[in-house]
N, C-alpha and C. Protein backbone atom coordinates (compact mmCIF):
# COMPACT_ATOMS: atom_id res chain seq x y z
N MET A 1 0.86 -1.14 -0.09
CA MET A 1 0.16 0.14 0.06
C MET A 1 0.72 1.45 0.15
N ASP A 2 0.41 2.03 -0.78
CA ASP A 2 1.21 3.65 -0.87
C ASP A 2 0.69 4.61 -0.04
N ASP A 3 1.41 5.38 0.91
CA ASP A 3 0.88 5.99 1.77
C ASP A 3 0.89 7.62 0.89
N ASN A 4 1.44 7.73 -0.18
CA ASN A 4 1.44 8.85 -1.05
C ASN A 4 -0.11 9.26 -1.33
N THR A 5 -0.30 10.60 -1.06
CA THR A 5 -1.65 11.06 -1.72
C THR A 5 -1.47 11.26 -3.12
N ILE A 6 -2.55 10.83 -3.57
CA ILE A 6 -2.61 11.16 -5.23
C ILE A 6 -3.19 12.16 -5.46
N LYS A 7 -2.96 12.69 -6.66
CA LYS A 7 -3.10 14.30 -7.01
C LYS A 7 -4.18 14.08 -7.97
N PHE A 8 -5.21 14.48 -8.00
CA PHE A 8 -6.41 14.75 -8.77
C PHE A 8 -6.43 16.19 -9.70
N ALA A 9 -6.59 16.39 -11.05
CA ALA A 9 -6.62 17.78 -11.32
C ALA A 9 -7.73 17.46 -12.42
N VAL A 10 -8.44 18.62 -12.47
CA VAL A 10 -9.40 18.65 -13.71
C VAL A 10 -8.90 19.87 -14.96
N PRO A 11 -8.63 19.32 -15.84
CA PRO A 11 -8.54 20.57 -16.95
C PRO A 11 -9.45 21.68 -17.07
N MET A 12 -8.79 22.97 -17.00
CA MET A 12 -9.59 24.31 -16.75
C MET A 12 -10.62 24.20 -17.90
N GLU A 13 -10.18 23.65 -19.15
CA GLU A 13 -11.07 23.95 -20.32
C GLU A 13 -12.52 23.34 -20.18
N HIS A 14 -12.82 22.47 -19.15
CA HIS A 14 -13.84 21.64 -18.55
C HIS A 14 -14.81 22.33 -17.99
N GLU A 15 -14.18 23.26 -17.15
CA GLU A 15 -15.06 24.25 -16.06
C GLU A 15 -16.14 24.64 -17.05
N GLN A 16 -16.04 25.40 -18.06
CA GLN A 16 -17.23 26.07 -18.73
C GLN A 16 -18.24 25.22 -19.58
N GLU A 17 -17.62 24.09 -19.98
CA GLU A 17 -18.70 22.94 -20.30
C GLU A 17 -19.41 22.21 -19.28
N MET A 18 -18.68 21.92 -18.01
CA MET A 18 -19.53 21.86 -16.93
C MET A 18 -20.55 22.45 -16.65
N LYS A 19 -20.17 23.56 -16.30
CA LYS A 19 -21.19 24.73 -15.91
C LYS A 19 -22.32 24.59 -17.06
N HIS A 20 -22.06 24.73 -18.29
CA HIS A 20 -23.35 25.06 -19.15
C HIS A 20 -24.20 23.55 -19.12
N ILE A 21 -23.41 22.41 -19.07
CA ILE A 21 -24.36 21.30 -19.09
C ILE A 21 -24.92 21.28 -17.63
N LEU A 22 -24.31 21.36 -16.53
CA LEU A 22 -25.12 21.37 -15.19
C LEU A 22 -26.36 22.36 -15.05
N SER A 23 -26.21 23.77 -15.81
CA SER A 23 -27.14 24.64 -16.00
C SER A 23 -28.50 24.24 -16.62
N THR A 24 -28.10 23.61 -17.60
CA THR A 24 -29.08 23.08 -18.53
C THR A 24 -29.79 22.08 -18.03
N VAL A 25 -29.12 21.10 -17.36
CA VAL A 25 -29.72 19.96 -16.49
C VAL A 25 -30.76 20.34 -15.28
N TYR A 26 -29.97 21.65 -14.90
CA TYR A 26 -30.89 22.01 -13.81
C TYR A 26 -32.07 22.67 -14.15
N GLN A 27 -31.87 23.58 -15.23
CA GLN A 27 -33.35 23.83 -15.89
C GLN A 27 -34.46 22.93 -16.47
N SER A 28 -33.80 22.01 -17.30
CA SER A 28 -34.75 20.86 -17.77
C SER A 28 -35.30 20.43 -16.68
N LEU A 29 -35.11 19.83 -15.67
CA LEU A 29 -35.43 19.34 -14.41
C LEU A 29 -36.44 20.07 -13.81
N THR A 30 -36.10 21.56 -13.42
CA THR A 30 -37.22 22.65 -12.97
C THR A 30 -38.35 22.66 -13.77
N GLU A 31 -37.99 22.62 -15.07
CA GLU A 31 -39.17 22.81 -16.33
C GLU A 31 -40.14 21.57 -15.73
N LYS A 32 -39.84 20.36 -15.88
CA LYS A 32 -40.58 19.08 -15.75
C LYS A 32 -41.05 19.10 -14.13
N GLY A 33 -40.63 19.91 -13.18
CA GLY A 33 -41.41 19.68 -12.12
C GLY A 33 -40.65 19.06 -10.97
N TYR A 34 -39.53 18.60 -11.15
CA TYR A 34 -38.88 17.86 -10.18
C TYR A 34 -37.81 19.00 -9.29
N ASN A 35 -37.48 18.68 -8.13
CA ASN A 35 -36.61 19.32 -7.26
C ASN A 35 -34.93 19.04 -8.08
N PRO A 36 -34.48 19.93 -8.66
CA PRO A 36 -33.45 19.47 -9.55
C PRO A 36 -32.17 19.16 -8.42
N ILE A 37 -31.91 19.95 -7.33
CA ILE A 37 -30.95 19.60 -6.51
C ILE A 37 -31.17 18.28 -5.83
N ASN A 38 -32.00 17.73 -5.28
CA ASN A 38 -32.37 16.27 -5.15
C ASN A 38 -31.93 15.52 -6.50
N GLN A 39 -32.60 15.85 -7.56
CA GLN A 39 -32.31 14.86 -8.55
C GLN A 39 -30.85 14.66 -8.68
N ILE A 40 -30.09 15.86 -8.69
CA ILE A 40 -28.42 15.92 -9.27
C ILE A 40 -27.58 15.25 -8.29
N VAL A 41 -28.21 15.40 -7.02
CA VAL A 41 -27.30 14.80 -5.99
C VAL A 41 -27.63 13.38 -5.87
N GLY A 42 -28.99 12.94 -6.19
CA GLY A 42 -29.25 11.30 -6.52
C GLY A 42 -28.29 10.73 -7.48
N TYR A 43 -28.44 11.53 -8.85
CA TYR A 43 -27.32 10.96 -10.06
C TYR A 43 -25.63 10.95 -9.33
N LEU A 44 -25.35 11.99 -8.69
CA LEU A 44 -23.98 12.08 -8.34
C LEU A 44 -23.61 10.65 -7.27
N LEU A 45 -24.73 10.64 -6.58
CA LEU A 45 -24.47 9.66 -5.50
C LEU A 45 -24.58 8.10 -5.91
N SER A 46 -25.25 7.85 -6.99
CA SER A 46 -25.29 6.60 -7.49
C SER A 46 -25.13 6.38 -8.70
N GLU A 47 -24.90 7.33 -9.68
CA GLU A 47 -24.33 7.33 -11.04
C GLU A 47 -25.40 6.57 -11.96
N ASP A 48 -26.84 6.76 -11.33
CA ASP A 48 -27.85 6.29 -12.06
C ASP A 48 -28.33 7.14 -12.78
N PRO A 49 -28.43 7.31 -13.96
CA PRO A 49 -28.93 8.47 -14.97
C PRO A 49 -30.53 8.58 -14.88
N THR A 50 -31.04 7.49 -14.45
CA THR A 50 -32.57 7.98 -14.19
C THR A 50 -33.16 8.75 -13.50
N TYR A 51 -32.04 9.59 -12.81
CA TYR A 51 -32.68 10.50 -11.86
C TYR A 51 -32.79 11.80 -12.75
N ILE A 52 -32.03 11.70 -13.96
CA ILE A 52 -32.20 12.71 -14.89
C ILE A 52 -32.98 12.57 -15.90
N THR A 53 -33.93 13.81 -16.30
CA THR A 53 -35.00 13.51 -16.80
C THR A 53 -34.30 13.64 -18.61
N ASN A 54 -34.80 12.98 -19.34
CA ASN A 54 -34.68 12.93 -20.78
C ASN A 54 -34.93 14.38 -21.73
N TYR A 55 -35.81 14.96 -20.84
CA TYR A 55 -36.46 16.35 -21.48
C TYR A 55 -35.22 17.26 -21.93
N ASN A 56 -35.09 17.91 -22.76
CA ASN A 56 -34.09 18.76 -23.48
C ASN A 56 -32.44 17.89 -23.75
N ASN A 57 -32.65 16.62 -23.68
CA ASN A 57 -31.57 15.81 -23.59
C ASN A 57 -30.73 15.81 -22.71
N ALA A 58 -31.14 16.37 -21.33
CA ALA A 58 -30.50 16.32 -20.13
C ALA A 58 -29.88 15.37 -19.78
N ARG A 59 -30.32 13.90 -19.93
CA ARG A 59 -29.59 12.79 -19.51
C ARG A 59 -28.50 12.54 -20.25
N SER A 60 -28.59 12.73 -21.47
CA SER A 60 -27.27 12.56 -22.04
C SER A 60 -26.31 13.31 -21.87
N LEU A 61 -26.65 14.64 -21.71
CA LEU A 61 -25.83 15.66 -21.52
C LEU A 61 -24.82 15.45 -20.13
N ILE A 62 -25.45 14.94 -19.14
CA ILE A 62 -25.08 15.24 -17.76
C ILE A 62 -23.94 13.69 -18.02
N CYS A 63 -24.39 12.63 -18.88
CA CYS A 63 -23.39 11.58 -18.91
C CYS A 63 -22.34 11.65 -19.35
N LYS A 64 -22.23 12.88 -20.15
CA LYS A 64 -21.00 13.10 -21.01
C LYS A 64 -19.84 13.97 -19.82
N LEU A 65 -20.29 14.12 -18.80
CA LEU A 65 -19.20 14.61 -18.01
C LEU A 65 -18.71 13.60 -17.01
N ASP A 66 -17.58 13.66 -16.48
CA ASP A 66 -17.04 12.89 -15.59
C ASP A 66 -17.48 12.94 -14.33
N ARG A 67 -17.91 12.12 -13.80
CA ARG A 67 -18.52 12.13 -12.03
C ARG A 67 -17.69 12.77 -11.54
N ASP A 68 -16.46 12.34 -11.32
CA ASP A 68 -15.39 12.76 -10.35
C ASP A 68 -15.02 13.99 -10.73
N GLU A 69 -14.88 14.54 -12.03
CA GLU A 69 -14.35 15.52 -12.31
C GLU A 69 -15.78 16.80 -11.95
N LEU A 70 -16.75 16.50 -12.05
CA LEU A 70 -17.78 17.45 -11.45
C LEU A 70 -17.93 17.40 -10.17
N LEU A 71 -17.70 16.26 -9.53
CA LEU A 71 -17.66 16.46 -8.02
C LEU A 71 -16.58 17.41 -7.47
N GLN A 72 -15.60 17.27 -7.96
CA GLN A 72 -14.36 18.10 -7.73
C GLN A 72 -14.44 19.64 -7.88
N GLU A 73 -15.03 19.71 -9.12
CA GLU A 73 -15.42 21.24 -9.46
C GLU A 73 -16.57 21.95 -8.38
N LEU A 74 -17.28 20.96 -8.21
CA LEU A 74 -18.60 21.50 -7.20
C LEU A 74 -18.01 21.91 -5.81
N VAL A 75 -16.93 21.13 -5.40
CA VAL A 75 -16.51 21.22 -4.04
C VAL A 75 -15.59 22.49 -4.22
N ARG A 76 -14.78 22.71 -5.31
CA ARG A 76 -13.97 23.87 -5.38
C ARG A 76 -14.98 24.97 -5.20
N HIS A 77 -15.88 25.30 -6.32
CA HIS A 77 -16.55 26.05 -6.19
C HIS A 77 -17.24 26.76 -5.09
N TYR A 78 -17.80 25.42 -4.24
CA TYR A 78 -18.43 25.57 -2.81
C TYR A 78 -17.18 26.36 -1.94
N LEU A 79 -16.33 25.98 -1.96
CA LEU A 79 -15.14 26.32 -0.72
C LEU A 79 -14.38 27.64 -1.27
N PHE A 80 -14.57 28.00 -2.56
CA PHE A 80 -13.61 29.10 -3.02
C PHE A 80 -14.61 30.17 -3.68
N ASN A 81 -15.73 30.14 -3.97
CA ASN A 81 -16.70 31.35 -4.42
C ASN A 81 -17.90 31.74 -3.47
C-alpha cells in the first residue's frame, strides 16, 4: 500500500462545459417539476442516469461529464466562491 496522496486535477477547459451542462440539466429538471438539487445529488451519489430527465436531452448531457471531475469542481466552487 502506498502512503502517498494521489493528486487529482480537472483541466481548466472543462469548467465552462461543466457549468453549461449542469445549468441545462438544472433548468430541464425545474421545467419538468422535479427538485433539481435532489435529482442531481441522487445522480452524483448513485451514477444512475434515471435521476435525470430525458427532457431537453439532459440525461445525455450529464452522462458526458466525468462524475469525479464534476464533484471536484462543485467542491472547489463551494469552498472558494
